[in-house]
Amino acid sequence: SVNELNQWLPALRKACNHNRHSFHPGVYTGERWSCCHQKDKADQGCDKIKHGVTLQEWYDPLDPDLEYPLIYRHLIGVQQAMSDN
């Protein structure tokens, strides 16, 4: 639903706020990243993050009691689809 989407997207943004300033635009195939062919799944990203949009809410403190369970429920809900890919 739109309400749930509006809840978990800010939660994901806040949870990722302190990540490294790079990411992998490709996918990890089980052997390597499709974008840069690095074999380590935990390898630092090969592309820089583009800071095109900054929302004030990204800097609000994370409310783990509310937001972590929301993210967890969503990931559990898509776990099978992710495993199939």
PDB file of N, CA and C in Angstrom:
ATOM      1  N   SER A   1       0.833  -1.182   0.000  1.00  0.00           N
ATOM      2  CA  SER A   1       0.000   0.000   0.000  1.00  0.00           C
ATOM      3  C   SER A   1       0.878   1.246   0.000  1.00  0.00           C
ATOM      4  N   VAL A   2       0.298   2.356  -0.353  1.00  0.00           N
ATOM      5  CA  VAL A   2       1.038   3.612  -0.395  1.00  0.00           C
ATOM      6  C   VAL A   2       1.504   4.009   0.997  1.00  0.00           C
ATOM      7  N   ASN A   3       0.657   3.795   1.997  1.00  0.00           N
ATOM      8  CA  ASN A   3       1.049   4.147   3.364  1.00  0.00           C
ATOM      9  C   ASN A   3       2.248   3.333   3.826  1.00  0.00           C
ATOM     10  N   GLU A   4       2.226   2.039   3.542  1.00  0.00           N
ATOM     11  CA  GLU A   4       3.356   1.199   3.938  1.00  0.00           C
ATOM     12  C   GLU A   4       4.617   1.600   3.180  1.00  0.00           C
ATOM     13  N   LEU A   5       4.479   1.901   1.898  1.00  0.00           N
ATOM     14  CA  LEU A   5       5.614   2.358   1.098  1.00  0.00           C
ATOM     15  C   LEU A   5       6.206   3.632   1.692  1.00  0.00           C
ATOM     16  N   ASN A   6       5.340   4.566   2.087  1.00  0.00           N
ATOM     17  CA  ASN A   6       5.803   5.812   2.681  1.00  0.00           C
ATOM     18  C   ASN A   6       6.443   5.605   4.043  1.00  0.00           C
ATOM     19  N   GLN A   7       6.205   4.474   4.677  1.00  0.00           N
ATOM     20  CA  GLN A   7       6.854   4.168   5.950  1.00  0.00           C
ATOM     21  C   GLN A   7       8.212   3.515   5.737  1.00  0.00           C
ATOM     22  N   TRP A   8       8.278   2.515   4.856  1.00  0.00           N
ATOM     23  CA  TRP A   8       9.543   1.773   4.775  1.00  0.00           C
ATOM     24  C   TRP A   8      10.589   2.437   3.906  1.00  0.00           C
ATOM     25  N   LEU A   9      10.223   3.267   2.933  1.00  0.00           N
ATOM     26  CA  LEU A   9      11.248   3.965   2.148  1.00  0.00           C
ATOM     27  C   LEU A   9      12.085   4.914   3.007  1.00  0.00           C
ATOM     28  N   PRO A  10      11.477   5.768   3.836  1.00  0.00           N
ATOM     29  CA  PRO A  10      12.307   6.594   4.718  1.00  0.00           C
ATOM     30  C   PRO A  10      13.131   5.760   5.693  1.00  0.00           C
ATOM     31  N   ALA A  11      12.577   4.637   6.130  1.00  0.00           N
ATOM     32  CA  ALA A  11      13.329   3.767   7.039  1.00  0.00           C
ATOM     33  C   ALA A  11      14.575   3.221   6.350  1.00  0.00           C
ATOM     34  N   LEU A  12      14.447   2.814   5.094  1.00  0.00           N
ATOM     35  CA  LEU A  12      15.609   2.331   4.341  1.00  0.00           C
ATOM     36  C   LEU A  12      16.624   3.441   4.115  1.00  0.00           C
ATOM     37  N   ARG A  13      16.134   4.634   3.795  1.00  0.00           N
ATOM     38  CA  ARG A  13      17.045   5.762   3.586  1.00  0.00           C
ATOM     39  C   ARG A  13      17.854   6.049   4.841  1.00  0.00           C
ATOM     40  N   LYS A  14      17.176   6.056   5.988  1.00  0.00           N
ATOM     41  CA  LYS A  14      17.871   6.338   7.243  1.00  0.00           C
ATOM     42  C   LYS A  14      18.867   5.234   7.573  1.00  0.00           C
ATOM     43  N   ALA A  15      18.481   3.987   7.330  1.00  0.00           N
ATOM     44  CA  ALA A  15      19.374   2.870   7.638  1.00  0.00           C
ATOM     45  C   ALA A  15      20.611   2.889   6.751  1.00  0.00           C
ATOM     46  N   CYS A  16      20.484   3.390   5.533  1.00  0.00           N
ATOM     47  CA  CYS A  16      21.606   3.418   4.587  1.00  0.00           C
ATOM     48  C   CYS A  16      22.384   4.726   4.624  1.00  0.00           C
ATOM     49  N   ASN A  17      21.976   5.657   5.438  1.00  0.00           N
ATOM     50  CA  ASN A  17      22.568   6.991   5.460  1.00  0.00           C
ATOM     51  C   ASN A  17      24.065   6.970   5.733  1.00  0.00           C
ATOM     52  N   HIS A  18      24.539   6.002   6.506  1.00  0.00           N
ATOM     53  CA  HIS A  18      25.952   5.967   6.877  1.00  0.00           C
ATOM     54  C   HIS A  18      26.753   4.957   6.053  1.00  0.00           C
ATOM     55  N   ASN A  19      26.180   4.467   4.969  1.00  0.00           N
ATOM     56  CA  ASN A  19      26.907   3.540   4.102  1.00  0.00           C
ATOM     57  C   ASN A  19      28.053   4.254   3.399  1.00  0.00           C
ATOM     58  N   ARG A  20      28.942   3.475   2.833  1.00  0.00           N
ATOM     59  CA  ARG A  20      30.037   4.039   2.037  1.00  0.00           C
ATOM     60  C   ARG A  20      29.469   4.873   0.895  1.00  0.00           C
ATOM     61  N   HIS A  21      30.287   5.718   0.321  1.00  0.00           N
ATOM     62  CA  HIS A  21      29.834   6.602  -0.753  1.00  0.00           C
ATOM     63  C   HIS A  21      29.977   5.954  -2.128  1.00  0.00           C
ATOM     64  N   SER A  22      29.803   4.646  -2.184  1.00  0.00           N
ATOM     65  CA  SER A  22      29.836   3.945  -3.460  1.00  0.00           C
ATOM     66  C   SER A  22      28.909   2.737  -3.384  1.00  0.00           C
ATOM     67  N   PHE A  23      28.576   2.199  -4.537  1.00  0.00           N
ATOM     68  CA  PHE A  23      27.672   1.056  -4.604  1.00  0.00           C
ATOM     69  C   PHE A  23      27.968   0.259  -5.867  1.00  0.00           C
ATOM     70  N   HIS A  24      27.383  -0.920  -5.973  1.00  0.00           N
ATOM     71  CA  HIS A  24      27.487  -1.735  -7.182  1.00  0.00           C
ATOM     72  C   HIS A  24      26.195  -1.562  -7.980  1.00  0.00           C
ATOM     73  N   PRO A  25      26.255  -0.992  -9.183  1.00  0.00           N
ATOM     74  CA  PRO A  25      25.041  -0.851  -9.981  1.00  0.00           C
ATOM     75  C   PRO A  25      24.585  -2.183 -10.575  1.00  0.00           C
ATOM     76  N   GLY A  26      25.444  -3.177 -10.554  1.00  0.00           N
ATOM     77  CA  GLY A  26      25.098  -4.490 -11.089  1.00  0.00           C
ATOM     78  C   GLY A  26      24.557  -5.414 -10.012  1.00  0.00           C
ATOM     79  N   VAL A  27      24.554  -6.695 -10.313  1.00  0.00           N
ATOM     80  CA  VAL A  27      24.077  -7.707  -9.370  1.00  0.00           C
ATOM     81  C   VAL A  27      25.195  -8.692  -9.076  1.00  0.00           C
ATOM     82  N   TYR A  28      25.122  -9.308  -7.897  1.00  0.00           N
ATOM     83  CA  TYR A  28      26.084 -10.342  -7.538  1.00  0.00           C
ATOM     84  C   TYR A  28      25.509 -11.676  -7.982  1.00  0.00           C
ATOM     85  N   THR A  29      26.228 -12.391  -8.820  1.00  0.00           N
ATOM     86  CA  THR A  29      25.699 -13.606  -9.438  1.00  0.00           C
ATOM     87  C   THR A  29      26.034 -14.877  -8.680  1.00  0.00           C
ATOM     88  N   GLY A  30      26.678 -14.757  -7.532  1.00  0.00           N
ATOM     89  CA  GLY A  30      27.112 -15.935  -6.798  1.00  0.00           C
ATOM     90  C   GLY A  30      28.594 -16.169  -6.970  1.00  0.00           C
ATOM     91  N   GLU A  31      29.165 -15.585  -8.005  1.00  0.00           N
ATOM     92  CA  GLU A  31      30.603 -15.689  -8.268  1.00  0.00           C
ATOM     93  C   GLU A  31      31.272 -14.327  -8.292  1.00  0.00           C
ATOM     94  N   ARG A  32      30.556 -13.330  -8.835  1.00  0.00           N
ATOM     95  CA  ARG A  32      31.162 -12.006  -8.986  1.00  0.00           C
ATOM     96  C   ARG A  32      30.074 -10.974  -9.248  1.00  0.00           C
ATOM     97  N   TRP A  33      30.462  -9.700  -9.118  1.00  0.00           N
ATOM     98  CA  TRP A  33      29.567  -8.594  -9.451  1.00  0.00           C
ATOM     99  C   TRP A  33      29.513  -8.446 -10.968  1.00  0.00           C
ATOM    100  N   SER A  34      28.332  -8.250 -11.519  1.00  0.00           N
ATOM    101  CA  SER A  34      28.190  -8.126 -12.975  1.00  0.00           C
ATOM    102  C   SER A  34      28.753  -6.806 -13.502  1.00  0.00           C
ATOM    103  N   CYS A  35      28.880  -5.807 -12.641  1.00  0.00           N
ATOM    104  CA  CYS A  35      29.333  -4.491 -13.095  1.00  0.00           C
ATOM    105  C   CYS A  35      30.853  -4.379 -13.168  1.00  0.00           C
ATOM    106  N   CYS A  36      31.570  -4.926 -12.200  1.00  0.00           N
ATOM    107  CA  CYS A  36      33.022  -4.718 -12.136  1.00  0.00           C
ATOM    108  C   CYS A  36      33.805  -6.029 -12.060  1.00  0.00           C
ATOM    109  N   HIS A  37      33.094  -7.141 -11.992  1.00  0.00           N
ATOM    110  CA  HIS A  37      33.677  -8.483 -11.971  1.00  0.00           C
ATOM    111  C   HIS A  37      34.489  -8.786 -10.711  1.00  0.00           C
ATOM    112  N   GLN A  38      34.328  -7.982  -9.642  1.00  0.00           N
ATOM    113  CA  GLN A  38      34.971  -8.296  -8.366  1.00  0.00           C
ATOM    114  C   GLN A  38      34.346  -9.565  -7.814  1.00  0.00           C
ATOM    115  N   LYS A  39      35.160 -10.407  -7.192  1.00  0.00           N
ATOM    116  CA  LYS A  39      34.665 -11.682  -6.692  1.00  0.00           C
ATOM    117  C   LYS A  39      34.155 -11.617  -5.257  1.00  0.00           C
ATOM    118  N   ASP A  40      34.619 -10.645  -4.481  1.00  0.00           N
ATOM    119  CA  ASP A  40      34.207 -10.528  -3.086  1.00  0.00           C
ATOM    120  C   ASP A  40      32.852  -9.831  -3.008  1.00  0.00           C
ATOM    121  N   LYS A  41      31.853 -10.528  -2.467  1.00  0.00           N
ATOM    122  CA  LYS A  41      30.506  -9.968  -2.383  1.00  0.00           C
ATOM    123  C   LYS A  41      30.472  -8.707  -1.524  1.00  0.00           C
ATOM    124  N   ALA A  42      31.339  -8.631  -0.518  1.00  0.00           N
ATOM    125  CA  ALA A  42      31.362  -7.480   0.390  1.00  0.00           C
ATOM    126  C   ALA A  42      32.287  -6.370  -0.101  1.00  0.00           C
ATOM    127  N   ASP A  43      32.799  -6.491  -1.318  1.00  0.00           N
ATOM    128  CA  ASP A  43      33.720  -5.497  -1.857  1.00  0.00           C
ATOM    129  C   ASP A  43      33.054  -4.129  -1.947  1.00  0.00           C
ATOM    130  N   GLN A  44      33.849  -3.083  -1.720  1.00  0.00           N
ATOM    131  CA  GLN A  44      33.334  -1.727  -1.832  1.00  0.00           C
ATOM    132  C   GLN A  44      32.797  -1.498  -3.237  1.00  0.00           C
ATOM    133  N   GLY A  45      31.758  -0.715  -3.346  1.00  0.00           N
ATOM    134  CA  GLY A  45      31.120  -0.460  -4.634  1.00  0.00           C
ATOM    135  C   GLY A  45      32.065   0.123  -5.663  1.00  0.00           C
ATOM    136  N   CYS A  46      31.715  -0.052  -6.921  1.00  0.00           N
ATOM    137  CA  CYS A  46      32.573   0.412  -8.011  1.00  0.00           C
ATOM    138  C   CYS A  46      32.064   1.702  -8.645  1.00  0.00           C
ATOM    139  N   ASP A  47      30.914   2.195  -8.205  1.00  0.00           N
ATOM    140  CA  ASP A  47      30.351   3.419  -8.769  1.00  0.00           C
ATOM    141  C   ASP A  47      30.036   4.383  -7.628  1.00  0.00           C
ATOM    142  N   LYS A  48      30.274   5.660  -7.864  1.00  0.00           N
ATOM    143  CA  LYS A  48      30.036   6.673  -6.833  1.00  0.00           C
ATOM    144  C   LYS A  48      28.546   6.963  -6.700  1.00  0.00           C
ATOM    145  N   ILE A  49      28.121   7.241  -5.481  1.00  0.00           N
ATOM    146  CA  ILE A  49      26.743   7.641  -5.225  1.00  0.00           C
ATOM    147  C   ILE A  49      26.551   9.055  -5.742  1.00  0.00           C
ATOM    148  N   LYS A  50      25.437   9.278  -6.389  1.00  0.00           N
ATOM    149  CA  LYS A  50      25.100  10.610  -6.885  1.00  0.00           C
ATOM    150  C   LYS A  50      24.125  11.247  -5.908  1.00  0.00           C
ATOM    151  N   HIS A  51      24.496  12.385  -5.360  1.00  0.00           N
ATOM    152  CA  HIS A  51      23.662  13.053  -4.364  1.00  0.00           C
ATOM    153  C   HIS A  51      22.757  14.071  -5.035  1.00  0.00           C
ATOM    154  N   GLY A  52      21.800  13.601  -5.813  1.00  0.00           N
ATOM    155  CA  GLY A  52      20.917  14.514  -6.515  1.00  0.00           C
ATOM    156  C   GLY A  52      19.782  15.051  -5.667  1.00  0.00           C
ATOM    157  N   VAL A  53      19.350  14.290  -4.663  1.00  0.00           N
ATOM    158  CA  VAL A  53      18.217  14.686  -3.839  1.00  0.00           C
ATOM    159  C   VAL A  53      18.598  14.510  -2.385  1.00  0.00           C
ATOM    160  N   THR A  54      18.302  15.502  -1.588  1.00  0.00           N
ATOM    161  CA  THR A  54      18.511  15.396  -0.148  1.00  0.00           C
ATOM    162  C   THR A  54      17.228  15.811   0.542  1.00  0.00           C
ATOM    163  N   LEU A  55      16.663  14.920   1.302  1.00  0.00           N
ATOM    164  CA  LEU A  55      15.457  15.223   2.055  1.00  0.00           C
ATOM    165  C   LEU A  55      15.828  15.382   3.516  1.00  0.00           C
ATOM    166  N   GLN A  56      15.222  16.334   4.175  1.00  0.00           N
ATOM    167  CA  GLN A  56      15.533  16.581   5.583  1.00  0.00           C
ATOM    168  C   GLN A  56      15.339  15.326   6.429  1.00  0.00           C
ATOM    169  N   GLU A  57      14.316  14.524   6.098  1.00  0.00           N
ATOM    170  CA  GLU A  57      14.031  13.360   6.921  1.00  0.00           C
ATOM    171  C   GLU A  57      15.170  12.335   6.908  1.00  0.00           C
ATOM    172  N   TRP A  58      16.056  12.393   5.929  1.00  0.00           N
ATOM    173  CA  TRP A  58      17.173  11.452   5.888  1.00  0.00           C
ATOM    174  C   TRP A  58      18.091  11.634   7.074  1.00  0.00           C
ATOM    175  N   TYR A  59      18.074  12.791   7.670  1.00  0.00           N
ATOM    176  CA  TYR A  59      18.982  13.080   8.768  1.00  0.00           C
ATOM    177  C   TYR A  59      18.331  12.904  10.132  1.00  0.00           C
ATOM    178  N   ASP A  60      17.051  12.549  10.167  1.00  0.00           N
ATOM    179  CA  ASP A  60      16.390  12.286  11.439  1.00  0.00           C
ATOM    180  C   ASP A  60      16.984  11.036  12.060  1.00  0.00           C
ATOM    181  N   PRO A  61      17.023  10.970  13.384  1.00  0.00           N
ATOM    182  CA  PRO A  61      17.557   9.760  14.017  1.00  0.00           C
ATOM    183  C   PRO A  61      16.695   8.544  13.678  1.00  0.00           C
ATOM    184  N   LEU A  62      17.338   7.428  13.516  1.00  0.00           N
ATOM    185  CA  LEU A  62      16.650   6.180  13.219  1.00  0.00           C
ATOM    186  C   LEU A  62      15.863   5.731  14.443  1.00  0.00           C
ATOM    187  N   ASP A  63      14.620   5.331  14.245  1.00  0.00           N
ATOM    188  CA  ASP A  63      13.802   4.784  15.326  1.00  0.00           C
ATOM    189  C   ASP A  63      13.769   3.273  15.149  1.00  0.00           C
ATOM    190  N   PRO A  64      14.724   2.547  15.749  1.00  0.00           N
ATOM    191  CA  PRO A  64      14.831   1.111  15.493  1.00  0.00           C
ATOM    192  C   PRO A  64      13.603   0.328  15.921  1.00  0.00           C
ATOM    193  N   ASP A  65      12.913   0.765  16.957  1.00  0.00           N
ATOM    194  CA  ASP A  65      11.726   0.033  17.404  1.00  0.00           C
ATOM    195  C   ASP A  65      10.637   0.027  16.342  1.00  0.00           C
ATOM    196  N   LEU A  66      10.576   1.058  15.530  1.00  0.00           N
ATOM    197  CA  LEU A  66       9.563   1.147  14.483  1.00  0.00           C
ATOM    198  C   LEU A  66      10.091   0.682  13.133  1.00  0.00           C
ATOM    199  N   GLU A  67      11.289   1.118  12.763  1.00  0.00           N
ATOM    200  CA  GLU A  67      11.744   0.965  11.390  1.00  0.00           C
ATOM    201  C   GLU A  67      12.424  -0.369  11.095  1.00  0.00           C
ATOM    202  N   TYR A  68      13.211  -0.925  12.003  1.00  0.00           N
ATOM    203  CA  TYR A  68      13.848  -2.215  11.735  1.00  0.00           C
ATOM    204  C   TYR A  68      12.829  -3.331  11.543  1.00  0.00           C
ATOM    205  N   PRO A  69      11.802  -3.436  12.395  1.00  0.00           N
ATOM    206  CA  PRO A  69      10.808  -4.489  12.142  1.00  0.00           C
ATOM    207  C   PRO A  69      10.097  -4.314  10.803  1.00  0.00           C
ATOM    208  N   LEU A  70       9.873  -3.075  10.393  1.00  0.00           N
ATOM    209  CA  LEU A  70       9.227  -2.811   9.112  1.00  0.00           C
ATOM    210  C   LEU A  70      10.094  -3.298   7.954  1.00  0.00           C
ATOM    211  N   ILE A  71      11.381  -2.994   8.008  1.00  0.00           N
ATOM    212  CA  ILE A  71      12.314  -3.452   6.977  1.00  0.00           C
ATOM    213  C   ILE A  71      12.406  -4.974   6.994  1.00  0.00           C
ATOM    214  N   TYR A  72      12.495  -5.557   8.185  1.00  0.00           N
ATOM    215  CA  TYR A  72      12.596  -7.010   8.321  1.00  0.00           C
ATOM    216  C   TYR A  72      11.371  -7.697   7.714  1.00  0.00           C
ATOM    217  N   ARG A  73      10.170  -7.212   8.046  1.00  0.00           N
ATOM    218  CA  ARG A  73       8.949  -7.818   7.495  1.00  0.00           C
ATOM    219  C   ARG A  73       8.944  -7.748   5.973  1.00  0.00           C
ATOM    220  N   HIS A  74       9.395  -6.631   5.431  1.00  0.00           N
ATOM    221  CA  HIS A  74       9.429  -6.508   3.971  1.00  0.00           C
ATOM    222  C   HIS A  74      10.425  -7.499   3.364  1.00  0.00           C
ATOM    223  N   LEU A  75      11.612  -7.590   3.952  1.00  0.00           N
ATOM    224  CA  LEU A  75      12.624  -8.501   3.407  1.00  0.00           C
ATOM    225  C   LEU A  75      12.187  -9.952   3.511  1.00  0.00           C
ATOM    226  N   ILE A  76      11.529 -10.319   4.604  1.00  0.00           N
ATOM    227  CA  ILE A  76      10.997 -11.679   4.731  1.00  0.00           C
ATOM    228  C   ILE A  76       9.950 -11.919   3.645  1.00  0.00           C
ATOM    229  N   GLY A  77       9.150 -10.896   3.359  1.00  0.00           N
ATOM    230  CA  GLY A  77       8.110 -11.021   2.341  1.00  0.00           C
ATOM    231  C   GLY A  77       8.653 -11.242   0.938  1.00  0.00           C
ATOM    232  N   VAL A  78       9.839 -10.725   0.652  1.00  0.00           N
ATOM    233  CA  VAL A  78      10.409 -10.870  -0.691  1.00  0.00           C
ATOM    234  C   VAL A  78      11.563 -11.874  -0.722  1.00  0.00           C
ATOM    235  N   GLN A  79      11.783 -12.571   0.369  1.00  0.00           N
ATOM    236  CA  GLN A  79      12.916 -13.499   0.467  1.00  0.00           C
ATOM    237  C   GLN A  79      12.878 -14.569  -0.621  1.00  0.00           C
ATOM    238  N   GLN A  80      11.732 -15.165  -0.855  1.00  0.00           N
ATOM    239  CA  GLN A  80      11.646 -16.229  -1.856  1.00  0.00           C
ATOM    240  C   GLN A  80      11.943 -15.692  -3.249  1.00  0.00           C
ATOM    241  N   ALA A  81      11.396 -14.537  -3.577  1.00  0.00           N
ATOM    242  CA  ALA A  81      11.647 -13.948  -4.899  1.00  0.00           C
ATOM    243  C   ALA A  81      13.125 -13.632  -5.073  1.00  0.00           C
ATOM    244  N   MET A  82      13.772 -13.161  -4.015  1.00  0.00           N
ATOM    245  CA  MET A  82      15.200 -12.860  -4.093  1.00  0.00           C
ATOM    246  C   MET A  82      16.015 -14.141  -4.242  1.00  0.00           C
ATOM    247  N   SER A  83      15.605 -15.199  -3.575  1.00  0.00           N
ATOM    248  CA  SER A  83      16.316 -16.477  -3.668  1.00  0.00           C
ATOM    249  C   SER A  83      16.193 -17.076  -5.058  1.00  0.00           C
ATOM    250  N   ASP A  84      15.043 -16.877  -5.683  1.00  0.00           N
ATOM    251  CA  ASP A  84      14.817 -17.421  -7.022  1.00  0.00           C
ATOM    252  C   ASP A  84      15.686 -16.739  -8.069  1.00  0.00           C
ATOM    253  N   ASN A  85      16.069 -15.491  -7.811  1.00  0.00           N
ATOM    254  CA  ASN A  85      16.887 -14.753  -8.773  1.00  0.00           C
ATOM    255  C   ASN A  85      18.319 -15.063  -8.510  1.00  0.00           C
TER     256      ASN A  85
END
